[in-house]
Amino acid sequence: MPRAKNNVAAKNRHKKILKLARGYRLGKSRLYRTAKDQVEKSLRYAYRDRRQKKRLFRRLWIVRINAACRQNGTTYSKFIHGLKKNEINLNRKTLAHLAMHEPQAFTSLVEQVSA
């Protein structure tokens, strides 16, 4: 009796990896062994960068809020402290949106906090 090599499962595993490797250059999209290595690395990068994206956007929002605060004659830290003191609960994403797209509303917020 011949030895069973489980060809169907192996073929499916290879197809799954090669499908994930589409778009990679050269052998990384065609050869199973190199494609497997690259897919594993890519998945590690994706996992890491999903967390880094949150940090990067928070940094961007803070930079935008700080720039708008300085145009209105205050600093980011004083502005945030004033918001907390006056119990105005707006997150940094919303504040950055106001600073970029609705400067009058942001200016009124700064005046409300400074007073």
PDB file of N, CA and C in Angstrom:
ATOM      1  N   MET A   1       0.836  -1.177   0.000  1.00  0.00           N
ATOM      2  CA  MET A   1       0.000   0.000   0.000  1.00  0.00           C
ATOM      3  C   MET A   1       0.890   1.252   0.000  1.00  0.00           C
ATOM      4  N   PRO A   2       0.624   2.195  -0.924  1.00  0.00           N
ATOM      5  CA  PRO A   2       1.476   3.379  -1.001  1.00  0.00           C
ATOM      6  C   PRO A   2       1.289   4.299   0.207  1.00  0.00           C
ATOM      7  N   ARG A   3       2.325   5.059   0.454  1.00  0.00           N
ATOM      8  CA  ARG A   3       2.313   5.970   1.585  1.00  0.00           C
ATOM      9  C   ARG A   3       1.477   7.212   1.245  1.00  0.00           C
ATOM     10  N   ALA A   4       0.591   7.610   2.144  1.00  0.00           N
ATOM     11  CA  ALA A   4      -0.235   8.805   1.926  1.00  0.00           C
ATOM     12  C   ALA A   4       0.585  10.039   2.292  1.00  0.00           C
ATOM     13  N   LYS A   5       0.618  11.021   1.380  1.00  0.00           N
ATOM     14  CA  LYS A   5       1.465  12.189   1.623  1.00  0.00           C
ATOM     15  C   LYS A   5       0.656  13.443   1.924  1.00  0.00           C
ATOM     16  N   ASN A   6      -0.654  13.305   2.004  1.00  0.00           N
ATOM     17  CA  ASN A   6      -1.510  14.438   2.355  1.00  0.00           C
ATOM     18  C   ASN A   6      -1.336  15.591   1.365  1.00  0.00           C
ATOM     19  N   ASN A   7      -1.375  15.261   0.092  1.00  0.00           N
ATOM     20  CA  ASN A   7      -1.151  16.262  -0.948  1.00  0.00           C
ATOM     21  C   ASN A   7      -2.195  17.362  -0.967  1.00  0.00           C
ATOM     22  N   VAL A   8      -3.434  17.034  -0.710  1.00  0.00           N
ATOM     23  CA  VAL A   8      -4.505  18.021  -0.805  1.00  0.00           C
ATOM     24  C   VAL A   8      -4.298  19.121   0.235  1.00  0.00           C
ATOM     25  N   ALA A   9      -4.020  18.741   1.466  1.00  0.00           N
ATOM     26  CA  ALA A   9      -3.831  19.727   2.530  1.00  0.00           C
ATOM     27  C   ALA A   9      -2.598  20.583   2.266  1.00  0.00           C
ATOM     28  N   ALA A  10      -1.518  19.953   1.818  1.00  0.00           N
ATOM     29  CA  ALA A  10      -0.289  20.701   1.532  1.00  0.00           C
ATOM     30  C   ALA A  10      -0.531  21.708   0.403  1.00  0.00           C
ATOM     31  N   LYS A  11      -1.235  21.259  -0.639  1.00  0.00           N
ATOM     32  CA  LYS A  11      -1.541  22.147  -1.765  1.00  0.00           C
ATOM     33  C   LYS A  11      -2.360  23.351  -1.286  1.00  0.00           C
ATOM     34  N   ASN A  12      -3.340  23.088  -0.412  1.00  0.00           N
ATOM     35  CA  ASN A  12      -4.177  24.184   0.099  1.00  0.00           C
ATOM     36  C   ASN A  12      -3.375  25.156   0.945  1.00  0.00           C
ATOM     37  N   ARG A  13      -2.454  24.616   1.765  1.00  0.00           N
ATOM     38  CA  ARG A  13      -1.611  25.494   2.577  1.00  0.00           C
ATOM     39  C   ARG A  13      -0.753  26.386   1.693  1.00  0.00           C
ATOM     40  N   HIS A  14      -0.173  25.787   0.654  1.00  0.00           N
ATOM     41  CA  HIS A  14       0.679  26.548  -0.261  1.00  0.00           C
ATOM     42  C   HIS A  14      -0.146  27.615  -0.986  1.00  0.00           C
ATOM     43  N   LYS A  15      -1.344  27.243  -1.441  1.00  0.00           N
ATOM     44  CA  LYS A  15      -2.191  28.200  -2.150  1.00  0.00           C
ATOM     45  C   LYS A  15      -2.549  29.378  -1.263  1.00  0.00           C
ATOM     46  N   LYS A  16      -2.805  29.095   0.027  1.00  0.00           N
ATOM     47  CA  LYS A  16      -3.179  30.159   0.958  1.00  0.00           C
ATOM     48  C   LYS A  16      -2.039  31.167   1.102  1.00  0.00           C
ATOM     49  N   ILE A  17      -0.811  30.669   1.235  1.00  0.00           N
ATOM     50  CA  ILE A  17       0.352  31.550   1.378  1.00  0.00           C
ATOM     51  C   ILE A  17       0.592  32.325   0.091  1.00  0.00           C
ATOM     52  N   LEU A  18       0.536  31.644  -1.044  1.00  0.00           N
ATOM     53  CA  LEU A  18       0.811  32.313  -2.317  1.00  0.00           C
ATOM     54  C   LEU A  18      -0.261  33.349  -2.644  1.00  0.00           C
ATOM     55  N   LYS A  19      -1.483  33.108  -2.186  1.00  0.00           N
ATOM     56  CA  LYS A  19      -2.534  34.105  -2.388  1.00  0.00           C
ATOM     57  C   LYS A  19      -2.226  35.368  -1.579  1.00  0.00           C
ATOM     58  N   LEU A  20      -1.742  35.190  -0.352  1.00  0.00           N
ATOM     59  CA  LEU A  20      -1.373  36.348   0.474  1.00  0.00           C
ATOM     60  C   LEU A  20      -0.170  37.089  -0.100  1.00  0.00           C
ATOM     61  N   ALA A  21       0.669  36.378  -0.870  1.00  0.00           N
ATOM     62  CA  ALA A  21       1.905  36.966  -1.388  1.00  0.00           C
ATOM     63  C   ALA A  21       1.721  37.635  -2.743  1.00  0.00           C
ATOM     64  N   ARG A  22       0.498  37.722  -3.223  1.00  0.00           N
ATOM     65  CA  ARG A  22       0.283  38.370  -4.519  1.00  0.00           C
ATOM     66  C   ARG A  22       0.736  39.816  -4.469  1.00  0.00           C
ATOM     67  N   GLY A  23       1.394  40.256  -5.542  1.00  0.00           N
ATOM     68  CA  GLY A  23       1.849  41.636  -5.603  1.00  0.00           C
ATOM     69  C   GLY A  23       3.281  41.821  -5.136  1.00  0.00           C
ATOM     70  N   TYR A  24       3.846  40.821  -4.459  1.00  0.00           N
ATOM     71  CA  TYR A  24       5.245  40.909  -4.063  1.00  0.00           C
ATOM     72  C   TYR A  24       6.094  40.721  -5.308  1.00  0.00           C
ATOM     73  N   ARG A  25       7.344  41.164  -5.247  1.00  0.00           N
ATOM     74  CA  ARG A  25       8.197  41.117  -6.426  1.00  0.00           C
ATOM     75  C   ARG A  25       8.982  39.820  -6.490  1.00  0.00           C
ATOM     76  N   LEU A  26       9.249  39.405  -7.744  1.00  0.00           N
ATOM     77  CA  LEU A  26      10.116  38.268  -8.056  1.00  0.00           C
ATOM     78  C   LEU A  26       9.663  36.984  -7.366  1.00  0.00           C
ATOM     79  N   GLY A  27      10.617  36.243  -6.782  1.00  0.00           N
ATOM     80  CA  GLY A  27      10.291  34.940  -6.215  1.00  0.00           C
ATOM     81  C   GLY A  27       9.410  35.012  -4.989  1.00  0.00           C
ATOM     82  N   LYS A  28       9.336  36.181  -4.358  1.00  0.00           N
ATOM     83  CA  LYS A  28       8.535  36.297  -3.142  1.00  0.00           C
ATOM     84  C   LYS A  28       7.050  36.099  -3.416  1.00  0.00           C
ATOM     85  N   SER A  29       6.651  36.209  -4.669  1.00  0.00           N
ATOM     86  CA  SER A  29       5.246  35.960  -4.986  1.00  0.00           C
ATOM     87  C   SER A  29       5.034  34.614  -5.673  1.00  0.00           C
ATOM     88  N   ARG A  30       6.121  33.927  -6.046  1.00  0.00           N
ATOM     89  CA  ARG A  30       5.974  32.698  -6.823  1.00  0.00           C
ATOM     90  C   ARG A  30       6.502  31.446  -6.132  1.00  0.00           C
ATOM     91  N   LEU A  31       7.557  31.605  -5.348  1.00  0.00           N
ATOM     92  CA  LEU A  31       8.193  30.449  -4.715  1.00  0.00           C
ATOM     93  C   LEU A  31       7.673  30.312  -3.295  1.00  0.00           C
ATOM     94  N   TYR A  32       7.205  29.127  -2.943  1.00  0.00           N
ATOM     95  CA  TYR A  32       6.522  28.945  -1.669  1.00  0.00           C
ATOM     96  C   TYR A  32       7.396  29.321  -0.481  1.00  0.00           C
ATOM     97  N   ARG A  33       8.635  28.867  -0.472  1.00  0.00           N
ATOM     98  CA  ARG A  33       9.458  29.060   0.729  1.00  0.00           C
ATOM     99  C   ARG A  33       9.740  30.549   0.977  1.00  0.00           C
ATOM    100  N   THR A  34      10.119  31.262  -0.085  1.00  0.00           N
ATOM    101  CA  THR A  34      10.400  32.687   0.103  1.00  0.00           C
ATOM    102  C   THR A  34       9.105  33.472   0.335  1.00  0.00           C
ATOM    103  N   ALA A  35       8.020  33.025  -0.309  1.00  0.00           N
ATOM    104  CA  ALA A  35       6.736  33.695  -0.102  1.00  0.00           C
ATOM    105  C   ALA A  35       6.282  33.531   1.340  1.00  0.00           C
ATOM    106  N   LYS A  36       6.493  32.353   1.909  1.00  0.00           N
ATOM    107  CA  LYS A  36       6.097  32.104   3.297  1.00  0.00           C
ATOM    108  C   LYS A  36       6.861  33.024   4.233  1.00  0.00           C
ATOM    109  N   ASP A  37       8.172  33.152   4.013  1.00  0.00           N
ATOM    110  CA  ASP A  37       8.979  34.038   4.857  1.00  0.00           C
ATOM    111  C   ASP A  37       8.481  35.474   4.756  1.00  0.00           C
ATOM    112  N   GLN A  38       8.219  35.926   3.538  1.00  0.00           N
ATOM    113  CA  GLN A  38       7.803  37.318   3.346  1.00  0.00           C
ATOM    114  C   GLN A  38       6.414  37.572   3.909  1.00  0.00           C
ATOM    115  N   VAL A  39       5.502  36.622   3.759  1.00  0.00           N
ATOM    116  CA  VAL A  39       4.149  36.787   4.296  1.00  0.00           C
ATOM    117  C   VAL A  39       4.200  36.870   5.813  1.00  0.00           C
ATOM    118  N   GLU A  40       5.022  36.020   6.441  1.00  0.00           N
ATOM    119  CA  GLU A  40       5.153  36.074   7.906  1.00  0.00           C
ATOM    120  C   GLU A  40       5.677  37.440   8.346  1.00  0.00           C
ATOM    121  N   LYS A  41       6.681  37.939   7.635  1.00  0.00           N
ATOM    122  CA  LYS A  41       7.245  39.242   7.981  1.00  0.00           C
ATOM    123  C   LYS A  41       6.216  40.349   7.761  1.00  0.00           C
ATOM    124  N   SER A  42       5.484  40.260   6.675  1.00  0.00           N
ATOM    125  CA  SER A  42       4.474  41.272   6.361  1.00  0.00           C
ATOM    126  C   SER A  42       3.374  41.290   7.405  1.00  0.00           C
ATOM    127  N   LEU A  43       2.967  40.112   7.866  1.00  0.00           N
ATOM    128  CA  LEU A  43       1.930  40.046   8.896  1.00  0.00           C
ATOM    129  C   LEU A  43       2.436  40.627  10.216  1.00  0.00           C
ATOM    130  N   ARG A  44       3.727  40.427  10.512  1.00  0.00           N
ATOM    131  CA  ARG A  44       4.309  41.035  11.720  1.00  0.00           C
ATOM    132  C   ARG A  44       4.296  42.560  11.609  1.00  0.00           C
ATOM    133  N   TYR A  45       4.679  43.070  10.430  1.00  0.00           N
ATOM    134  CA  TYR A  45       4.655  44.519  10.213  1.00  0.00           C
ATOM    135  C   TYR A  45       3.228  45.057  10.361  1.00  0.00           C
ATOM    136  N   ALA A  46       2.260  44.340   9.788  1.00  0.00           N
ATOM    137  CA  ALA A  46       0.870  44.798   9.836  1.00  0.00           C
ATOM    138  C   ALA A  46       0.378  44.857  11.278  1.00  0.00           C
ATOM    139  N   TYR A  47       0.713  43.848  12.075  1.00  0.00           N
ATOM    140  CA  TYR A  47       0.308  43.810  13.481  1.00  0.00           C
ATOM    141  C   TYR A  47       0.922  44.985  14.234  1.00  0.00           C
ATOM    142  N   ARG A  48       2.225  45.201  14.016  1.00  0.00           N
ATOM    143  CA  ARG A  48       2.924  46.298  14.694  1.00  0.00           C
ATOM    144  C   ARG A  48       2.356  47.654  14.276  1.00  0.00           C
ATOM    145  N   ASP A  49       2.133  47.823  12.976  1.00  0.00           N
ATOM    146  CA  ASP A  49       1.755  49.137  12.470  1.00  0.00           C
ATOM    147  C   ASP A  49       0.303  49.494  12.763  1.00  0.00           C
ATOM    148  N   ARG A  50      -0.546  48.493  13.021  1.00  0.00           N
ATOM    149  CA  ARG A  50      -1.902  48.822  13.459  1.00  0.00           C
ATOM    150  C   ARG A  50      -1.850  49.546  14.797  1.00  0.00           C
ATOM    151  N   ARG A  51      -0.880  49.210  15.628  1.00  0.00           N
ATOM    152  CA  ARG A  51      -0.723  49.894  16.909  1.00  0.00           C
ATOM    153  C   ARG A  51      -0.004  51.227  16.740  1.00  0.00           C
ATOM    154  N   GLN A  52       0.984  51.261  15.854  1.00  0.00           N
ATOM    155  CA  GLN A  52       1.724  52.510  15.637  1.00  0.00           C
ATOM    156  C   GLN A  52       0.854  53.591  15.008  1.00  0.00           C
ATOM    157  N   LYS A  53      -0.112  53.159  14.189  1.00  0.00           N
ATOM    158  CA  LYS A  53      -0.980  54.129  13.525  1.00  0.00           C
ATOM    159  C   LYS A  53      -1.714  54.989  14.546  1.00  0.00           C
ATOM    160  N   LYS A  54      -2.150  54.375  15.637  1.00  0.00           N
ATOM    161  CA  LYS A  54      -2.861  55.112  16.681  1.00  0.00           C
ATOM    162  C   LYS A  54      -1.954  56.167  17.295  1.00  0.00           C
ATOM    163  N   ARG A  55      -0.684  55.806  17.531  1.00  0.00           N
ATOM    164  CA  ARG A  55       0.279  56.758  18.102  1.00  0.00           C
ATOM    165  C   ARG A  55       0.553  57.905  17.133  1.00  0.00           C
ATOM    166  N   LEU A  56       0.741  57.556  15.854  1.00  0.00           N
ATOM    167  CA  LEU A  56       1.095  58.576  14.869  1.00  0.00           C
ATOM    168  C   LEU A  56      -0.030  59.583  14.682  1.00  0.00           C
ATOM    169  N   PHE A  57      -1.274  59.097  14.663  1.00  0.00           N
ATOM    170  CA  PHE A  57      -2.384  60.027  14.492  1.00  0.00           C
ATOM    171  C   PHE A  57      -2.535  60.919  15.708  1.00  0.00           C
ATOM    172  N   ARG A  58      -2.330  60.372  16.915  1.00  0.00           N
ATOM    173  CA  ARG A  58      -2.412  61.216  18.110  1.00  0.00           C
ATOM    174  C   ARG A  58      -1.353  62.316  18.051  1.00  0.00           C
ATOM    175  N   ARG A  59      -0.130  61.949  17.619  1.00  0.00           N
ATOM    176  CA  ARG A  59       0.934  62.953  17.481  1.00  0.00           C
ATOM    177  C   ARG A  59       0.542  64.037  16.480  1.00  0.00           C
ATOM    178  N   LEU A  60      -0.046  63.632  15.356  1.00  0.00           N
ATOM    179  CA  LEU A  60      -0.469  64.594  14.337  1.00  0.00           C
ATOM    180  C   LEU A  60      -1.535  65.543  14.886  1.00  0.00           C
ATOM    181  N   TRP A  61      -2.519  64.976  15.601  1.00  0.00           N
ATOM    182  CA  TRP A  61      -3.569  65.821  16.169  1.00  0.00           C
ATOM    183  C   TRP A  61      -2.986  66.835  17.142  1.00  0.00           C
ATOM    184  N   ILE A  62      -2.034  66.391  17.968  1.00  0.00           N
ATOM    185  CA  ILE A  62      -1.435  67.293  18.954  1.00  0.00           C
ATOM    186  C   ILE A  62      -0.681  68.428  18.257  1.00  0.00           C
ATOM    187  N   VAL A  63       0.036  68.102  17.183  1.00  0.00           N
ATOM    188  CA  VAL A  63       0.768  69.135  16.431  1.00  0.00           C
ATOM    189  C   VAL A  63      -0.211  70.156  15.861  1.00  0.00           C
ATOM    190  N   ARG A  64      -1.327  69.688  15.310  1.00  0.00           N
ATOM    191  CA  ARG A  64      -2.307  70.599  14.719  1.00  0.00           C
ATOM    192  C   ARG A  64      -2.964  71.483  15.774  1.00  0.00           C
ATOM    193  N   ILE A  65      -3.309  70.882  16.901  1.00  0.00           N
ATOM    194  CA  ILE A  65      -3.924  71.663  17.984  1.00  0.00           C
ATOM    195  C   ILE A  65      -2.938  72.704  18.494  1.00  0.00           C
ATOM    196  N   ASN A  66      -1.681  72.313  18.666  1.00  0.00           N
ATOM    197  CA  ASN A  66      -0.655  73.237  19.160  1.00  0.00           C
ATOM    198  C   ASN A  66      -0.476  74.411  18.202  1.00  0.00           C
ATOM    199  N   ALA A  67      -0.453  74.125  16.903  1.00  0.00           N
ATOM    200  CA  ALA A  67      -0.289  75.202  15.919  1.00  0.00           C
ATOM    201  C   ALA A  67      -1.455  76.186  16.003  1.00  0.00           C
ATOM    202  N   ALA A  68      -2.668  75.656  16.118  1.00  0.00           N
ATOM    203  CA  ALA A  68      -3.841  76.532  16.198  1.00  0.00           C
ATOM    204  C   ALA A  68      -3.851  77.313  17.512  1.00  0.00           C
ATOM    205  N   CYS A  69      -3.421  76.674  18.589  1.00  0.00           N
ATOM    206  CA  CYS A  69      -3.349  77.364  19.887  1.00  0.00           C
ATOM    207  C   CYS A  69      -2.379  78.537  19.818  1.00  0.00           C
ATOM    208  N   ARG A  70      -1.231  78.315  19.214  1.00  0.00           N
ATOM    209  CA  ARG A  70      -0.215  79.363  19.137  1.00  0.00           C
ATOM    210  C   ARG A  70      -0.687  80.523  18.265  1.00  0.00           C
ATOM    211  N   GLN A  71      -1.501  80.234  17.258  1.00  0.00           N
ATOM    212  CA  GLN A  71      -2.075  81.324  16.448  1.00  0.00           C
ATOM    213  C   GLN A  71      -3.044  82.164  17.282  1.00  0.00           C
ATOM    214  N   ASN A  72      -3.617  81.531  18.314  1.00  0.00           N
ATOM    215  CA  ASN A  72      -4.558  82.230  19.184  1.00  0.00           C
ATOM    216  C   ASN A  72      -3.908  82.710  20.478  1.00  0.00           C
ATOM    217  N   GLY A  73      -2.584  82.673  20.549  1.00  0.00           N
ATOM    218  CA  GLY A  73      -1.869  83.268  21.658  1.00  0.00           C
ATOM    219  C   GLY A  73      -1.774  82.434  22.920  1.00  0.00           C
ATOM    220  N   THR A  74      -1.821  81.129  22.801  1.00  0.00           N
ATOM    221  CA  THR A  74      -1.643  80.263  23.965  1.00  0.00           C
ATOM    222  C   THR A  74      -0.823  79.047  23.550  1.00  0.00           C
ATOM    223  N   THR A  75      -0.592  78.143  24.476  1.00  0.00           N
ATOM    224  CA  THR A  75       0.149  76.925  24.141  1.00  0.00           C
ATOM    225  C   THR A  75      -0.768  75.716  24.294  1.00  0.00           C
ATOM    226  N   TYR A  76      -0.312  74.617  23.744  1.00  0.00           N
ATOM    227  CA  TYR A  76      -1.094  73.381  23.795  1.00  0.00           C
ATOM    228  C   TYR A  76      -1.368  72.957  25.228  1.00  0.00           C
ATOM    229  N   SER A  77      -0.328  72.982  26.074  1.00  0.00           N
ATOM    230  CA  SER A  77      -0.497  72.472  27.433  1.00  0.00           C
ATOM    231  C   SER A  77      -1.456  73.346  28.235  1.00  0.00           C
ATOM    232  N   LYS A  78      -1.364  74.663  28.075  1.00  0.00           N
ATOM    233  CA  LYS A  78      -2.293  75.560  28.777  1.00  0.00           C
ATOM    234  C   LYS A  78      -3.718  75.354  28.290  1.00  0.00           C
ATOM    235  N   PHE A  79      -3.863  75.142  26.983  1.00  0.00           N
ATOM    236  CA  PHE A  79      -5.183  74.928  26.391  1.00  0.00           C
ATOM    237  C   PHE A  79      -5.821  73.650  26.932  1.00  0.00           C
ATOM    238  N   ILE A  80      -5.074  72.553  26.925  1.00  0.00           N
ATOM    239  CA  ILE A  80      -5.596  71.273  27.409  1.00  0.00           C
ATOM    240  C   ILE A  80      -5.920  71.370  28.903  1.00  0.00           C
ATOM    241  N   HIS A  81      -5.054  72.036  29.658  1.00  0.00           N
ATOM    242  CA  HIS A  81      -5.308  72.218  31.091  1.00  0.00           C
ATOM    243  C   HIS A  81      -6.611  73.004  31.307  1.00  0.00           C
ATOM    244  N   GLY A  82      -6.807  74.061  30.516  1.00  0.00           N
ATOM    245  CA  GLY A  82      -8.035  74.846  30.616  1.00  0.00           C
ATOM    246  C   GLY A  82      -9.271  74.040  30.267  1.00  0.00           C
ATOM    247  N   LEU A  83      -9.159  73.188  29.245  1.00  0.00           N
ATOM    248  CA  LEU A  83     -10.291  72.327  28.874  1.00  0.00           C
ATOM    249  C   LEU A  83     -10.677  71.412  30.034  1.00  0.00           C
ATOM    250  N   LYS A  84      -9.663  70.794  30.647  1.00  0.00           N
ATOM    251  CA  LYS A  84      -9.937  69.882  31.757  1.00  0.00           C
ATOM    252  C   LYS A  84     -10.524  70.634  32.950  1.00  0.00           C
ATOM    253  N   LYS A  85     -10.000  71.845  33.215  1.00  0.00           N
ATOM    254  CA  LYS A  85     -10.463  72.652  34.345  1.00  0.00           C
ATOM    255  C   LYS A  85     -11.916  73.076  34.152  1.00  0.00           C
ATOM    256  N   ASN A  86     -12.286  73.421  32.919  1.00  0.00           N
ATOM    257  CA  ASN A  86     -13.663  73.834  32.616  1.00  0.00           C
ATOM    258  C   ASN A  86     -14.575  72.665  32.276  1.00  0.00           C
ATOM    259  N   GLU A  87     -14.061  71.455  32.401  1.00  0.00           N
ATOM    260  CA  GLU A  87     -14.816  70.219  32.144  1.00  0.00           C
ATOM    261  C   GLU A  87     -15.422  70.186  30.743  1.00  0.00           C
ATOM    262  N   ILE A  88     -14.613  70.569  29.769  1.00  0.00           N
ATOM    263  CA  ILE A  88     -15.007  70.461  28.358  1.00  0.00           C
ATOM    264  C   ILE A  88     -14.370  69.182  27.837  1.00  0.00           C
ATOM    265  N   ASN A  89     -15.194  68.187  27.573  1.00  0.00           N
ATOM    266  CA  ASN A  89     -14.693  66.859  27.186  1.00  0.00           C
ATOM    267  C   ASN A  89     -14.719  66.691  25.666  1.00  0.00           C
ATOM    268  N   LEU A  90     -13.674  67.149  25.022  1.00  0.00           N
ATOM    269  CA  LEU A  90     -13.499  66.937  23.582  1.00  0.00           C
ATOM    270  C   LEU A  90     -12.185  66.193  23.386  1.00  0.00           C
ATOM    271  N   ASN A  91     -12.217  65.180  22.556  1.00  0.00           N
ATOM    272  CA  ASN A  91     -10.972  64.440  22.324  1.00  0.00           C
ATOM    273  C   ASN A  91     -10.088  65.167  21.323  1.00  0.00           C
ATOM    274  N   ARG A  92      -8.858  64.725  21.214  1.00  0.00           N
ATOM    275  CA  ARG A  92      -7.874  65.421  20.387  1.00  0.00           C
ATOM    276  C   ARG A  92      -8.219  65.347  18.905  1.00  0.00           C
ATOM    277  N   LYS A  93      -8.857  64.286  18.490  1.00  0.00           N
ATOM    278  CA  LYS A  93      -9.254  64.156  17.089  1.00  0.00           C
ATOM    279  C   LYS A  93     -10.261  65.252  16.735  1.00  0.00           C
ATOM    280  N   THR A  94     -11.230  65.461  17.597  1.00  0.00           N
ATOM    281  CA  THR A  94     -12.246  66.494  17.365  1.00  0.00           C
ATOM    282  C   THR A  94     -11.624  67.882  17.417  1.00  0.00           C
ATOM    283  N   LEU A  95     -10.748  68.095  18.392  1.00  0.00           N
ATOM    284  CA  LEU A  95     -10.095  69.398  18.509  1.00  0.00           C
ATOM    285  C   LEU A  95      -9.258  69.707  17.272  1.00  0.00           C
ATOM    286  N   ALA A  96      -8.544  68.705  16.767  1.00  0.00           N
ATOM    287  CA  ALA A  96      -7.724  68.910  15.568  1.00  0.00           C
ATOM    288  C   ALA A  96      -8.609  69.226  14.363  1.00  0.00           C
ATOM    289  N   HIS A  97      -9.767  68.552  14.275  1.00  0.00           N
ATOM    290  CA  HIS A  97     -10.698  68.829  13.175  1.00  0.00           C
ATOM    291  C   HIS A  97     -11.197  70.271  13.260  1.00  0.00           C
ATOM    292  N   LEU A  98     -11.559  70.688  14.463  1.00  0.00           N
ATOM    293  CA  LEU A  98     -12.000  72.077  14.642  1.00  0.00           C
ATOM    294  C   LEU A  98     -10.890  73.052  14.267  1.00  0.00           C
ATOM    295  N   ALA A  99      -9.672  72.752  14.698  1.00  0.00           N
ATOM    296  CA  ALA A  99      -8.544  73.644  14.420  1.00  0.00           C
ATOM    297  C   ALA A  99      -8.294  73.781  12.921  1.00  0.00           C
ATOM    298  N   MET A 100      -8.443  72.687  12.195  1.00  0.00           N
ATOM    299  CA  MET A 100      -8.149  72.721  10.758  1.00  0.00           C
ATOM    300  C   MET A 100      -9.310  73.288   9.933  1.00  0.00           C
ATOM    301  N   HIS A 101     -10.530  72.840  10.233  1.00  0.00           N
ATOM    302  CA  HIS A 101     -11.655  73.122   9.329  1.00  0.00           C
ATOM    303  C   HIS A 101     -12.607  74.194   9.840  1.00  0.00           C
ATOM    304  N   GLU A 102     -12.595  74.472  11.135  1.00  0.00           N
ATOM    305  CA  GLU A 102     -13.489  75.486  11.681  1.00  0.00           C
ATOM    306  C   GLU A 102     -12.725  76.372  12.665  1.00  0.00           C
ATOM    307  N   PRO A 103     -11.863  77.247  12.138  1.00  0.00           N
ATOM    308  CA  PRO A 103     -11.008  78.054  13.011  1.00  0.00           C
ATOM    309  C   PRO A 103     -11.776  78.995  13.937  1.00  0.00           C
ATOM    310  N   GLN A 104     -12.959  79.492  13.503  1.00  0.00           N
ATOM    311  CA  GLN A 104     -13.731  80.385  14.373  1.00  0.00           C
ATOM    312  C   GLN A 104     -14.204  79.645  15.615  1.00  0.00           C
ATOM    313  N   ALA A 105     -14.671  78.431  15.429  1.00  0.00           N
ATOM    314  CA  ALA A 105     -15.135  77.628  16.566  1.00  0.00           C
ATOM    315  C   ALA A 105     -13.967  77.342  17.511  1.00  0.00           C
ATOM    316  N   PHE A 106     -12.811  77.049  16.940  1.00  0.00           N
ATOM    317  CA  PHE A 106     -11.641  76.776  17.780  1.00  0.00           C
ATOM    318  C   PHE A 106     -11.221  78.030  18.547  1.00  0.00           C
ATOM    319  N   THR A 107     -11.272  79.181  17.886  1.00  0.00           N
ATOM    320  CA  THR A 107     -10.924  80.443  18.544  1.00  0.00           C
ATOM    321  C   THR A 107     -11.867  80.716  19.705  1.00  0.00           C
ATOM    322  N   SER A 108     -13.158  80.455  19.506  1.00  0.00           N
ATOM    323  CA  SER A 108     -14.115  80.659  20.604  1.00  0.00           C
ATOM    324  C   SER A 108     -13.841  79.700  21.760  1.00  0.00           C
ATOM    325  N   LEU A 109     -13.408  78.495  21.438  1.00  0.00           N
ATOM    326  CA  LEU A 109     -13.026  77.534  22.496  1.00  0.00           C
ATOM    327  C   LEU A 109     -11.827  78.065  23.284  1.00  0.00           C
ATOM    328  N   VAL A 110     -10.839  78.587  22.572  1.00  0.00           N
ATOM    329  CA  VAL A 110      -9.640  79.122  23.243  1.00  0.00           C
ATOM    330  C   VAL A 110     -10.028  80.281  24.150  1.00  0.00           C
ATOM    331  N   GLU A 111     -10.905  81.159  23.663  1.00  0.00           N
ATOM    332  CA  GLU A 111     -11.343  82.298  24.487  1.00  0.00           C
ATOM    333  C   GLU A 111     -12.102  81.833  25.718  1.00  0.00           C
ATOM    334  N   GLN A 112     -12.929  80.817  25.534  1.00  0.00           N
ATOM    335  CA  GLN A 112     -13.704  80.264  26.656  1.00  0.00           C
ATOM    336  C   GLN A 112     -12.796  79.668  27.717  1.00  0.00           C
ATOM    337  N   VAL A 113     -11.729  79.000  27.256  1.00  0.00           N
ATOM    338  CA  VAL A 113     -10.789  78.349  28.180  1.00  0.00           C
ATOM    339  C   VAL A 113      -9.918  79.379  28.886  1.00  0.00           C
ATOM    340  N   SER A 114      -9.486  80.429  28.150  1.00  0.00           N
ATOM    341  CA  SER A 114      -8.578  81.420  28.747  1.00  0.00           C
ATOM    342  C   SER A 114      -9.272  82.309  29.760  1.00  0.00           C
ATOM    343  N   ALA A 115     -10.565  82.520  29.573  1.00  0.00           N
ATOM    344  CA  ALA A 115     -11.286  83.457  30.459  1.00  0.00           C
ATOM    345  C   ALA A 115     -11.493  82.918  31.851  1.00  0.00           C
TER     346      ALA A 115
END
